[in-house]
């Protein structure tokens, strides 16, 4: 066989072998490109969504935190929550619902976003909002403890779907959140969708034979850590502030349960959430 024929045969064989390799390589590269584009798009969409809620959530959390600080300081002893018709009782419910409803609205939209590809700071945002819902709804806060709490009754916690329904009435999809005046009017009608919230806060006290006070304090701790993470310098709380709020917990068993659940909520290594763990140490030792 002449050298020309040999060269032609080799070239043909090389072409035939290379074609499948090129197809395989192109397929792999295309898959990687599509995966990278998908991940980038999901991160971009989550970042955009967070941007829409960031400011309102911070303002709502600061307002709620300030109210609880006043409640600890003198509001509870002054009987601010001993009536359903007083200004402080209703504004406390309104501030609580503002935080919860913004979290619920974010959840409604984030449902369509794949948060597996979120940046660490964005994932913190999502995890803290999840912790808010957990703190106010999950009976696990009282579980496996000698507290004799009936989980099937929404007494010192809200059912998750119950809270979603309430929040959807307060801040409907494709509509504006209720103003305080609209909320007040809605509270006074028969079969108000906010009746359960008003009753939850009615007479709230650390001295009662119930556990709802501790649940509200746990929510406050998560709110403080959230503001430290995504808030402004003036909204930050120091370790001493966390310790002061944690000292409001009346049942040490609940403090230990909260401590165990912080990592399970995806916040075990989150720096600001770890302030909660440090603040809980005296309660765990009690």
Protein backbone atom coordinates (compact mmCIF):
# COMPACT_ATOMS: atom_id res chain seq x y z
CA UNK A 1 0.00 0.00 0.00
CA UNK A 2 1.36 3.39 -0.91
CA UNK A 3 2.15 5.95 1.74
CA UNK A 4 -0.63 8.16 0.34
CA UNK A 5 -3.22 5.45 0.88
CA UNK A 6 -1.92 4.74 4.34
CA UNK A 7 -2.15 8.43 5.24
CA UNK A 8 -5.67 8.62 3.85
CA UNK A 9 -6.73 5.54 5.81
CA UNK A 10 -5.25 6.94 9.00
CA UNK A 11 -6.97 10.27 8.43
CA UNK A 12 -10.30 8.55 7.83
CA UNK A 13 -9.93 6.40 10.94
CA UNK A 14 -9.00 9.43 13.00
CA UNK A 15 -12.01 11.33 11.72
CA UNK A 16 -14.35 8.45 12.44
CA UNK A 17 -12.98 8.06 15.97
CA UNK A 18 -12.85 11.79 16.67
CA UNK A 19 -16.45 12.47 15.67
CA UNK A 20 -18.00 10.58 18.61
CA UNK A 21 -15.46 12.13 20.97
CA UNK A 22 -16.37 15.59 19.72
CA UNK A 23 -20.05 14.85 20.17
CA UNK A 24 -19.41 13.58 23.69
CA UNK A 25 -17.23 16.58 24.56
CA UNK A 26 -19.75 19.02 23.10
CA UNK A 27 -22.55 17.31 25.06
CA UNK A 28 -20.58 17.52 28.32
CA UNK A 29 -19.65 21.15 27.75
CA UNK A 30 -23.22 22.04 26.81
CA UNK A 31 -24.52 20.35 29.95
CA UNK A 32 -22.04 22.21 32.11
CA UNK A 33 -22.90 25.50 30.46
CA UNK A 34 -26.64 24.97 30.96
CA UNK A 35 -26.06 23.97 34.59
CA UNK A 36 -23.94 27.08 35.18
CA UNK A 37 -26.58 29.27 33.55
CA UNK A 38 -29.32 27.66 35.64
CA UNK A 39 -27.38 28.15 38.87
CA UNK A 40 -26.62 31.76 38.00
CA UNK A 41 -30.26 32.44 37.14
CA UNK A 42 -31.49 30.91 40.39
CA UNK A 43 -28.99 32.97 42.43
CA UNK A 44 -29.99 36.11 40.53
CA UNK A 45 -33.70 35.52 41.06
CA UNK A 46 -33.23 34.86 44.78
CA UNK A 47 -31.05 37.95 45.17
CA UNK A 48 -33.69 40.05 43.37
CA UNK A 49 -36.45 38.63 45.58
CA UNK A 50 -34.46 39.33 48.74
CA UNK A 51 -33.89 42.87 47.55
CA UNK A 52 -37.64 43.43 47.31
CA UNK A 53 -38.27 42.28 50.88
CA UNK A 54 -35.06 43.29 52.65
CA UNK A 55 -36.00 46.81 53.68
CA UNK A 56 -39.59 46.06 54.70
CA UNK A 57 -38.59 43.03 56.74
CA UNK A 58 -35.88 44.94 58.56
CA UNK A 59 -38.29 47.75 59.42
CA UNK A 60 -40.92 45.26 60.59
CA UNK A 61 -38.41 43.30 62.68
CA UNK A 62 -37.06 46.45 64.30
CA UNK A 63 -40.58 47.59 65.18
CA UNK A 64 -41.44 44.16 66.62
CA UNK A 65 -38.19 43.98 68.59
CA UNK A 66 -38.73 47.44 70.06
CA UNK A 67 -42.24 46.48 71.16
CA UNK A 68 -40.99 43.36 72.93
CA UNK A 69 -38.24 45.35 74.62
CA UNK A 70 -40.88 47.71 75.99
CA UNK A 71 -43.03 44.75 77.01
CA UNK A 72 -40.19 43.21 79.03
CA UNK A 73 -39.30 46.53 80.61
CA UNK A 74 -42.71 47.57 81.87
CA UNK A 75 -45.50 46.79 79.43
CA UNK A 76 -46.34 43.36 80.81
CA UNK A 77 -46.55 44.58 84.42
CA UNK A 78 -48.59 47.58 83.26
CA UNK A 79 -51.13 45.20 81.71
CA UNK A 80 -50.70 46.38 78.13
CA UNK A 81 -52.00 43.07 76.81
CA UNK A 82 -54.81 42.53 79.31
CA UNK A 83 -57.44 43.82 76.91
CA UNK A 84 -58.16 43.12 73.27
CA UNK A 85 -59.25 46.67 72.51
CA UNK A 86 -56.31 48.71 73.81
CA UNK A 87 -53.79 50.44 71.57
CA UNK A 88 -50.81 48.40 72.73
CA UNK A 89 -52.59 45.09 72.41
CA UNK A 90 -53.69 45.78 68.85
CA UNK A 91 -50.43 47.30 67.69
CA UNK A 92 -48.56 44.35 69.18
CA UNK A 93 -50.71 42.00 67.08
CA UNK A 94 -50.24 44.23 64.05
CA UNK A 95 -46.45 44.30 64.39
CA UNK A 96 -46.35 40.54 64.87
CA UNK A 97 -48.50 39.95 61.79
CA UNK A 98 -46.39 42.34 59.73
CA UNK A 99 -43.27 40.27 60.39
CA UNK A 100 -45.02 36.95 59.84
CA UNK A 101 -46.88 38.09 56.72
CA UNK A 102 -43.79 39.49 55.04
CA UNK A 103 -42.08 36.18 55.74
CA UNK A 104 -45.07 34.33 54.31
CA UNK A 105 -45.15 36.54 51.20
CA UNK A 106 -41.44 35.90 50.64
CA UNK A 107 -42.08 32.17 51.08
CA UNK A 108 -44.85 32.26 48.45
CA UNK A 109 -42.50 33.69 45.85
CA UNK A 110 -39.35 31.83 46.88
CA UNK A 111 -41.21 28.54 46.41
CA UNK A 112 -40.37 28.71 42.71
CA UNK A 113 -36.65 29.39 43.25
CA UNK A 114 -34.08 26.65 43.77
CA UNK A 115 -32.28 27.85 46.91
CA UNK A 116 -29.69 25.04 46.71
CA UNK A 117 -27.53 27.39 44.66
CA UNK A 118 -27.90 30.44 46.91
CA UNK A 119 -24.89 32.39 48.11
CA UNK A 120 -24.16 31.92 51.82
CA UNK A 121 -25.53 35.35 52.83
CA UNK A 122 -28.69 34.84 50.79
CA UNK A 123 -29.19 31.39 52.29
CA UNK A 124 -28.92 32.96 55.76
CA UNK A 125 -31.79 35.28 54.82
CA UNK A 126 -33.94 32.31 53.79
CA UNK A 127 -32.98 30.25 56.86
CA UNK A 128 -33.79 33.02 59.31
CA UNK A 129 -37.26 33.51 57.82
CA UNK A 130 -37.77 29.77 58.15
CA UNK A 131 -36.69 30.05 61.80
CA UNK A 132 -39.35 32.71 62.42
CA UNK A 133 -42.05 30.34 61.23
CA UNK A 134 -40.57 27.47 63.22
CA UNK A 135 -40.41 29.52 66.42
CA UNK A 136 -44.08 30.45 66.34
CA UNK A 137 -45.59 27.26 64.92
CA UNK A 138 -43.56 24.16 65.68
CA UNK A 139 -44.60 22.16 68.77
CA UNK A 140 -41.07 20.70 68.70
CA UNK A 141 -40.12 23.66 70.90
CA UNK A 142 -42.09 21.93 73.68
CA UNK A 143 -41.52 18.33 72.59
CA UNK A 144 -39.88 15.55 74.62
CA UNK A 145 -40.05 17.71 77.70
CA UNK A 146 -42.04 17.28 80.88
CA UNK A 147 -44.36 20.16 80.04
CA UNK A 148 -47.62 18.27 79.45
CA UNK A 149 -48.39 20.24 76.29
CA UNK A 150 -51.10 19.05 73.89
CA UNK A 151 -49.71 19.50 70.37
CA UNK A 152 -53.03 18.87 68.61
CA UNK A 153 -54.54 22.03 70.11
CA UNK A 154 -53.46 25.45 68.88
CA UNK A 155 -53.09 27.01 72.32
CA UNK A 156 -49.53 28.19 72.81
CA UNK A 157 -48.53 27.81 69.18
CA UNK A 158 -50.09 28.32 65.76
CA UNK A 159 -50.53 25.51 63.29
CA UNK A 160 -48.34 26.23 60.26
CA UNK A 161 -51.24 26.23 57.80
CA UNK A 162 -53.34 28.25 60.22
CA UNK A 163 -50.66 30.96 60.34
CA UNK A 164 -50.32 30.93 56.55
CA UNK A 165 -54.06 31.45 56.18
CA UNK A 166 -54.00 34.34 58.66
CA UNK A 167 -51.01 35.92 56.93
CA UNK A 168 -52.67 35.57 53.52
CA UNK A 169 -55.67 37.47 54.88
CA UNK A 170 -53.36 40.17 56.27
CA UNK A 171 -51.18 40.40 53.14
CA UNK A 172 -52.97 38.79 50.18
CA UNK A 173 -51.09 37.74 47.08
CA UNK A 174 -51.18 40.45 44.40
CA UNK A 175 -52.50 43.01 46.89
CA UNK A 176 -51.22 45.42 49.51
CA UNK A 177 -50.73 44.61 53.17
CA UNK A 178 -53.49 45.84 55.45
CA UNK A 179 -52.92 49.26 56.96
CA UNK A 180 -53.29 49.51 60.72
CA UNK A 181 -56.69 51.16 60.28
CA UNK A 182 -57.86 48.34 58.01
CA UNK A 183 -56.55 45.79 60.49
CA UNK A 184 -58.42 47.44 63.37
CA UNK A 185 -61.64 47.39 61.39
CA UNK A 186 -61.11 43.72 60.48
CA UNK A 187 -60.45 42.73 64.10
CA UNK A 188 -63.85 44.01 65.20
CA UNK A 189 -65.96 42.07 62.70
CA UNK A 190 -67.54 38.72 63.61
CA UNK A 191 -65.44 35.73 62.55
CA UNK A 192 -62.39 37.92 62.10
CA UNK A 193 -59.48 36.05 60.49
CA UNK A 194 -57.26 37.64 63.14
CA UNK A 195 -59.21 36.45 66.16
CA UNK A 196 -56.69 33.70 66.98
CA UNK A 197 -53.79 36.16 66.95
CA UNK A 198 -55.58 38.56 69.28
CA UNK A 199 -56.42 35.70 71.65
CA UNK A 200 -52.84 34.42 71.53
CA UNK A 201 -51.49 37.71 72.88
CA UNK A 202 -54.34 38.45 75.29
CA UNK A 203 -52.94 38.44 78.82
CA UNK A 204 -49.49 37.27 77.68
CA UNK A 205 -47.31 37.08 80.78
CA UNK A 206 -44.18 35.30 82.03
CA UNK A 207 -46.02 34.41 85.24
CA UNK A 208 -48.89 32.46 83.67
CA UNK A 209 -49.10 28.69 83.67
CA UNK A 210 -48.54 28.55 79.92
CA UNK A 211 -45.65 28.45 77.48
CA UNK A 212 -46.56 31.10 74.89
CA UNK A 213 -44.35 33.74 76.55
CA UNK A 214 -41.29 31.58 75.93
CA UNK A 215 -42.33 31.04 72.32
CA UNK A 216 -42.50 34.80 71.75
CA UNK A 217 -39.07 35.24 73.37
CA UNK A 218 -37.58 32.57 71.10
CA UNK A 219 -38.98 34.37 68.06
CA UNK A 220 -37.44 37.59 69.39
CA UNK A 221 -33.99 35.97 69.58
CA UNK A 222 -34.20 34.86 65.95
CA UNK A 223 -35.36 38.33 64.90
CA UNK A 224 -32.39 39.92 66.66
CA UNK A 225 -29.94 37.55 64.97
CA UNK A 226 -31.60 38.26 61.62
CA UNK A 227 -31.18 42.01 62.06
CA UNK A 228 -27.55 41.53 63.05
CA UNK A 229 -27.00 39.54 59.85
CA UNK A 230 -28.72 41.69 57.23
CA UNK A 231 -29.45 44.92 59.09
CA UNK A 232 -27.71 48.22 59.62
CA UNK A 233 -25.23 49.10 62.35
CA UNK A 234 -27.84 50.90 64.45
CA UNK A 235 -30.01 47.78 64.42
CA UNK A 236 -27.37 45.46 65.80
CA UNK A 237 -27.58 43.80 69.21
CA UNK A 238 -24.58 42.85 71.35
CA UNK A 239 -24.08 39.62 73.29
CA UNK A 240 -25.39 41.34 76.40
CA UNK A 241 -28.64 42.17 74.58
CA UNK A 242 -29.09 38.53 73.56
CA UNK A 243 -28.41 37.43 77.13
CA UNK A 244 -30.98 39.88 78.49
CA UNK A 245 -33.66 38.60 76.12
CA UNK A 246 -32.72 34.94 76.69
CA UNK A 247 -33.11 35.51 80.43
CA UNK A 248 -36.81 36.16 79.81
CA UNK A 249 -37.33 32.46 79.01
CA UNK A 250 -39.21 30.97 81.95
CA UNK A 251 -38.71 27.24 81.32
CA UNK A 252 -35.14 26.00 81.05
CA UNK A 253 -36.35 22.93 79.14
CA UNK A 254 -37.55 25.16 76.31
CA UNK A 255 -34.18 26.91 76.25
CA UNK A 256 -32.44 23.56 75.79
CA UNK A 257 -34.83 22.59 73.01
CA UNK A 258 -34.22 25.88 71.21
CA UNK A 259 -30.50 25.33 71.54
CA UNK A 260 -30.82 21.89 69.95
CA UNK A 261 -32.92 23.17 67.05
CA UNK A 262 -30.78 26.10 65.90
CA UNK A 263 -28.44 23.77 63.93
CA UNK A 264 -31.40 21.83 62.54
CA UNK A 265 -32.73 25.05 61.05
CA UNK A 266 -29.54 25.45 59.02
CA UNK A 267 -28.11 28.08 61.37
CA UNK A 268 -25.71 26.04 63.49
CA UNK A 269 -22.60 27.68 62.00
CA UNK A 270 -24.18 31.07 61.32
CA UNK A 271 -22.21 33.63 63.39
CA UNK A 272 -25.18 35.67 64.60
CA UNK A 273 -27.29 32.61 65.35
CA UNK A 274 -24.45 31.38 67.52
CA UNK A 275 -25.06 34.40 69.72
CA UNK A 276 -28.37 32.75 70.55
CA UNK A 277 -26.55 29.57 71.57
CA UNK A 278 -24.14 31.49 73.79
CA UNK A 279 -26.97 33.47 75.36
CA UNK A 280 -28.86 30.25 76.14
CA UNK A 281 -26.06 28.71 78.22
CA UNK A 282 -27.32 30.07 81.57
CA UNK A 283 -30.83 28.75 80.78
CA UNK A 284 -29.42 25.35 79.85
CA UNK A 285 -27.52 25.18 83.12
CA UNK A 286 -30.59 26.05 85.21
